[in-house]
Amino acid sequence: MSDVKFDLKPVSKKPSRKYRKGSKYDPIIDSFMKSEHELVKVEVPEKDANYLRTQLKKRIDARDLQDKVEVSVVNNIAYLEKK
């Protein structure tokens, strides 16, 4: 069996990850929550309404907002509604 060459170097802390924190759909939810509107139609170019509902629902659940906002699709149009 051959030996593996390696180095161990002490560090004070791990660097933060370089990926996006949150989601690209979070600004949609944030903007809606800050608005005075109770019901809005959500349109994202080149995204199907059902796909959009799925992504927004994941973010609503991840952010524990399901008691404040809900997402639905009617006639292939996505809607956000305040509860």
N, C-alpha and C. Protein backbone atom coordinates (compact mmCIF):
# COMPACT_ATOMS: atom_id res chain seq x y z
N MET A 1 0.85 -1.17 0.00
CA MET A 1 0.00 0.00 0.00
C MET A 1 0.90 1.24 0.00
N SER A 2 0.57 2.21 -0.87
CA SER A 2 1.39 3.42 -0.94
C SER A 2 0.85 4.49 0.00
N ASP A 3 1.75 5.34 0.44
CA ASP A 3 1.37 6.42 1.34
C ASP A 3 0.76 7.57 0.55
N VAL A 4 -0.14 8.31 1.18
CA VAL A 4 -0.78 9.48 0.57
C VAL A 4 -0.11 10.71 1.16
N LYS A 5 0.30 11.62 0.29
CA LYS A 5 0.90 12.87 0.77
C LYS A 5 -0.22 13.86 1.06
N PHE A 6 -0.11 14.57 2.17
CA PHE A 6 -1.13 15.54 2.53
C PHE A 6 -0.56 16.59 3.46
N ASP A 7 -1.28 17.69 3.60
CA ASP A 7 -0.95 18.76 4.53
C ASP A 7 -2.17 19.06 5.37
N LEU A 8 -1.96 19.37 6.62
CA LEU A 8 -3.02 19.86 7.49
C LEU A 8 -2.64 21.27 7.90
N LYS A 9 -3.57 22.21 7.62
CA LYS A 9 -3.29 23.61 7.94
C LYS A 9 -4.38 24.15 8.84
N PRO A 10 -4.00 24.72 9.97
CA PRO A 10 -5.02 25.27 10.88
C PRO A 10 -5.67 26.53 10.28
N VAL A 11 -6.96 26.66 10.51
CA VAL A 11 -7.71 27.85 10.10
C VAL A 11 -8.55 28.32 11.27
N SER A 12 -8.86 29.61 11.30
CA SER A 12 -9.64 30.14 12.41
C SER A 12 -11.14 29.88 12.24
N LYS A 13 -11.62 29.87 10.98
CA LYS A 13 -13.02 29.56 10.74
C LYS A 13 -13.22 29.15 9.29
N LYS A 14 -14.34 28.49 9.03
CA LYS A 14 -14.65 28.08 7.67
C LYS A 14 -15.18 29.29 6.90
N PRO A 15 -14.84 29.42 5.63
CA PRO A 15 -15.40 30.52 4.85
C PRO A 15 -16.88 30.27 4.57
N SER A 16 -17.63 31.36 4.34
CA SER A 16 -19.05 31.19 4.03
C SER A 16 -19.18 30.65 2.61
N ARG A 17 -20.26 29.96 2.37
CA ARG A 17 -20.49 29.38 1.06
C ARG A 17 -20.76 30.46 0.03
N LYS A 18 -20.51 30.15 -1.21
CA LYS A 18 -20.65 31.13 -2.28
C LYS A 18 -21.98 31.03 -3.01
N TYR A 19 -22.89 30.19 -2.53
CA TYR A 19 -24.17 30.06 -3.21
C TYR A 19 -25.17 31.09 -2.68
N ARG A 20 -26.24 31.24 -3.42
CA ARG A 20 -27.28 32.20 -3.08
C ARG A 20 -27.96 31.79 -1.77
N LYS A 21 -28.10 32.76 -0.89
CA LYS A 21 -28.85 32.50 0.33
C LYS A 21 -30.31 32.84 0.04
N GLY A 22 -31.19 31.93 0.35
CA GLY A 22 -32.59 32.13 0.02
C GLY A 22 -32.87 31.63 -1.39
N SER A 23 -33.73 32.31 -2.08
CA SER A 23 -34.16 31.87 -3.40
C SER A 23 -34.41 33.07 -4.28
N LYS A 24 -34.35 32.85 -5.59
CA LYS A 24 -34.66 33.94 -6.50
C LYS A 24 -36.14 34.29 -6.46
N TYR A 25 -36.95 33.44 -5.82
CA TYR A 25 -38.38 33.71 -5.69
C TYR A 25 -38.72 34.47 -4.40
N ASP A 26 -37.77 34.60 -3.50
CA ASP A 26 -38.01 35.34 -2.26
C ASP A 26 -38.40 36.81 -2.50
N PRO A 27 -37.77 37.50 -3.46
CA PRO A 27 -38.19 38.90 -3.69
C PRO A 27 -39.66 39.05 -4.09
N ILE A 28 -40.22 38.05 -4.76
CA ILE A 28 -41.63 38.09 -5.13
C ILE A 28 -42.49 38.08 -3.86
N ILE A 29 -42.16 37.17 -2.95
CA ILE A 29 -42.91 37.05 -1.70
C ILE A 29 -42.70 38.30 -0.85
N ASP A 30 -41.45 38.78 -0.75
CA ASP A 30 -41.16 39.98 0.03
C ASP A 30 -41.94 41.19 -0.48
N SER A 31 -41.93 41.37 -1.78
CA SER A 31 -42.63 42.50 -2.38
C SER A 31 -44.13 42.43 -2.11
N PHE A 32 -44.69 41.24 -2.23
CA PHE A 32 -46.12 41.06 -1.98
C PHE A 32 -46.45 41.33 -0.51
N MET A 33 -45.64 40.83 0.40
CA MET A 33 -45.90 41.01 1.83
C MET A 33 -45.83 42.49 2.22
N LYS A 34 -44.97 43.25 1.56
CA LYS A 34 -44.84 44.69 1.86
C LYS A 34 -45.95 45.52 1.22
N SER A 35 -46.59 44.97 0.19
CA SER A 35 -47.62 45.72 -0.52
C SER A 35 -48.91 45.74 0.29
N GLU A 36 -49.80 46.62 -0.09
CA GLU A 36 -51.10 46.72 0.57
C GLU A 36 -52.13 45.81 -0.08
N HIS A 37 -51.77 45.16 -1.18
CA HIS A 37 -52.69 44.31 -1.92
C HIS A 37 -52.96 43.00 -1.19
N GLU A 38 -54.19 42.55 -1.28
CA GLU A 38 -54.59 41.29 -0.65
C GLU A 38 -54.46 40.11 -1.63
N LEU A 39 -54.57 40.39 -2.91
CA LEU A 39 -54.54 39.36 -3.94
C LEU A 39 -53.82 39.91 -5.16
N VAL A 40 -52.82 39.17 -5.65
CA VAL A 40 -52.10 39.61 -6.85
C VAL A 40 -51.90 38.44 -7.80
N LYS A 41 -51.82 38.78 -9.07
CA LYS A 41 -51.47 37.82 -10.11
C LYS A 41 -49.96 37.87 -10.26
N VAL A 42 -49.31 36.72 -10.31
CA VAL A 42 -47.85 36.66 -10.42
C VAL A 42 -47.48 36.13 -11.80
N GLU A 43 -46.69 36.91 -12.52
CA GLU A 43 -46.24 36.49 -13.84
C GLU A 43 -44.72 36.54 -13.87
N VAL A 44 -44.09 35.44 -14.27
CA VAL A 44 -42.65 35.38 -14.46
C VAL A 44 -42.43 34.90 -15.89
N PRO A 45 -41.75 35.71 -16.70
CA PRO A 45 -41.55 35.33 -18.11
C PRO A 45 -40.95 33.92 -18.25
N GLU A 46 -41.52 33.17 -19.16
CA GLU A 46 -41.06 31.83 -19.51
C GLU A 46 -41.16 30.80 -18.38
N LYS A 47 -42.00 31.08 -17.37
CA LYS A 47 -42.25 30.10 -16.30
C LYS A 47 -43.73 29.76 -16.28
N ASP A 48 -44.01 28.48 -16.27
CA ASP A 48 -45.38 27.99 -16.21
C ASP A 48 -45.97 28.30 -14.83
N ALA A 49 -47.25 28.58 -14.79
CA ALA A 49 -47.91 28.94 -13.54
C ALA A 49 -47.81 27.83 -12.50
N ASN A 50 -47.91 26.58 -12.92
CA ASN A 50 -47.82 25.47 -11.97
C ASN A 50 -46.41 25.32 -11.40
N TYR A 51 -45.41 25.56 -12.24
CA TYR A 51 -44.02 25.54 -11.77
C TYR A 51 -43.81 26.67 -10.77
N LEU A 52 -44.33 27.83 -11.11
CA LEU A 52 -44.21 29.00 -10.25
C LEU A 52 -44.88 28.74 -8.89
N ARG A 53 -46.06 28.13 -8.91
CA ARG A 53 -46.75 27.79 -7.66
C ARG A 53 -45.89 26.87 -6.80
N THR A 54 -45.30 25.87 -7.41
CA THR A 54 -44.46 24.93 -6.68
C THR A 54 -43.28 25.63 -6.02
N GLN A 55 -42.60 26.48 -6.76
CA GLN A 55 -41.43 27.18 -6.22
C GLN A 55 -41.82 28.16 -5.11
N LEU A 56 -42.89 28.91 -5.33
CA LEU A 56 -43.34 29.85 -4.30
C LEU A 56 -43.82 29.11 -3.05
N LYS A 57 -44.50 27.99 -3.23
CA LYS A 57 -44.98 27.20 -2.08
C LYS A 57 -43.80 26.68 -1.26
N LYS A 58 -42.75 26.23 -1.93
CA LYS A 58 -41.55 25.77 -1.22
C LYS A 58 -40.95 26.88 -0.37
N ARG A 59 -40.89 28.09 -0.92
CA ARG A 59 -40.31 29.22 -0.19
C ARG A 59 -41.23 29.67 0.94
N ILE A 60 -42.54 29.65 0.71
CA ILE A 60 -43.50 30.02 1.76
C ILE A 60 -43.36 29.04 2.93
N ASP A 61 -43.26 27.76 2.63
CA ASP A 61 -43.10 26.75 3.68
C ASP A 61 -41.76 26.89 4.38
N ALA A 62 -40.69 27.09 3.62
CA ALA A 62 -39.35 27.22 4.20
C ALA A 62 -39.25 28.43 5.12
N ARG A 63 -39.99 29.48 4.79
CA ARG A 63 -39.96 30.71 5.59
C ARG A 63 -41.06 30.74 6.64
N ASP A 64 -41.81 29.66 6.75
CA ASP A 64 -42.88 29.52 7.74
C ASP A 64 -43.92 30.64 7.62
N LEU A 65 -44.32 30.91 6.38
CA LEU A 65 -45.30 31.98 6.11
C LEU A 65 -46.66 31.42 5.71
N GLN A 66 -46.87 30.11 5.85
CA GLN A 66 -48.11 29.52 5.37
C GLN A 66 -49.36 30.03 6.08
N ASP A 67 -49.21 30.65 7.25
CA ASP A 67 -50.38 31.23 7.92
C ASP A 67 -50.61 32.68 7.50
N LYS A 68 -49.73 33.22 6.66
CA LYS A 68 -49.87 34.62 6.22
C LYS A 68 -50.15 34.76 4.73
N VAL A 69 -49.67 33.83 3.94
CA VAL A 69 -49.82 33.94 2.48
C VAL A 69 -50.00 32.57 1.86
N GLU A 70 -50.79 32.52 0.78
CA GLU A 70 -50.95 31.26 0.06
C GLU A 70 -50.84 31.53 -1.43
N VAL A 71 -50.43 30.50 -2.14
CA VAL A 71 -50.28 30.59 -3.59
C VAL A 71 -51.22 29.59 -4.23
N SER A 72 -51.82 29.98 -5.35
CA SER A 72 -52.73 29.08 -6.06
C SER A 72 -52.63 29.35 -7.55
N VAL A 73 -53.19 28.43 -8.33
CA VAL A 73 -53.23 28.58 -9.78
C VAL A 73 -54.66 28.38 -10.24
N VAL A 74 -55.15 29.33 -11.04
CA VAL A 74 -56.48 29.23 -11.64
C VAL A 74 -56.33 29.61 -13.11
N ASN A 75 -56.78 28.73 -13.99
CA ASN A 75 -56.70 28.96 -15.43
C ASN A 75 -55.28 29.32 -15.89
N ASN A 76 -54.31 28.58 -15.37
CA ASN A 76 -52.88 28.75 -15.70
C ASN A 76 -52.33 30.13 -15.34
N ILE A 77 -52.87 30.72 -14.29
CA ILE A 77 -52.36 31.99 -13.77
C ILE A 77 -52.10 31.79 -12.27
N ALA A 78 -50.90 32.17 -11.84
CA ALA A 78 -50.53 32.03 -10.43
C ALA A 78 -50.97 33.25 -9.64
N TYR A 79 -51.47 33.03 -8.45
CA TYR A 79 -51.94 34.10 -7.58
C TYR A 79 -51.32 33.97 -6.20
N LEU A 80 -50.99 35.10 -5.59
CA LEU A 80 -50.61 35.14 -4.19
C LEU A 80 -51.72 35.87 -3.45
N GLU A 81 -52.09 35.32 -2.29
CA GLU A 81 -53.18 35.89 -1.50
C GLU A 81 -52.80 35.94 -0.04
N LYS A 82 -53.05 37.08 0.58
CA LYS A 82 -52.82 37.21 2.03
C LYS A 82 -53.97 36.58 2.77
N LYS A 83 -53.67 35.91 3.87
CA LYS A 83 -54.72 35.29 4.68
C LYS A 83 -55.20 36.22 5.75
